[in-house]
Amino acid sequence: MAEETTEQQGTWLTQDAFDRLTEELRRRKENDRKEIATRVEAARQEGDLRENAGYHAAREEASLNEARIIQLTELLEHAQIGEAASDGSVSAGTIVTAKVAGKEQRFALGGQEITADVPEGVKVFSPDAPLGKALKGHKAGEAVTYTAPNGREIKAEIVDTPEEIKKAVKAV
């Protein structure tokens, strides 16, 4: 049986990220929609809609809000919520220090939506990115080679034992 990728399963999120995005969706649906609709109606009452910048700005804001609601709904319906592997191996939800092409980097594996959950300066990579796939399941001291999107073979070595995002954030 083929291993499902995170893309097939949905975006990997921490519980904190899932809760934060769920709250944002609730706020956008219950509060923001009403406030924006009120601004649209008030601007509509000002007269000629062709030259009413306030009206057009409010309509634009309404469109952006609705697009974000659709995006969040889709994301949360298909999200994979989980915790990092507890065996010291690289998995979604871990922060990894690795030498990639000879340069030491610190990054987290997960969806871009977890960016707020990681310490400042730590980049976020998808577990389905070439580097994420290559490192997944490996431990400190192990080295892997992966093919970058440009076709180059790149060596990556895990320097430190992967750290769970939740624990790393508490340590900051």
Foldseek 3Di string as FASTA:
>chain_A
DDDDFCVVQAFEDEPVLLVVLVVVLCCLVPPVLVVLVVQLVVQVVVDDPVPRPSNVVSVVVNVVSVVSNVVSVVRSVRYDYDWADPPLAADQQWWFWKQKQNRTAIEHETDPSCVVLADPPHHYDHCPAFVNVQRGPDHAQDKGWTQHPVRDIMIMGTHHRIHGSNVNSVVD
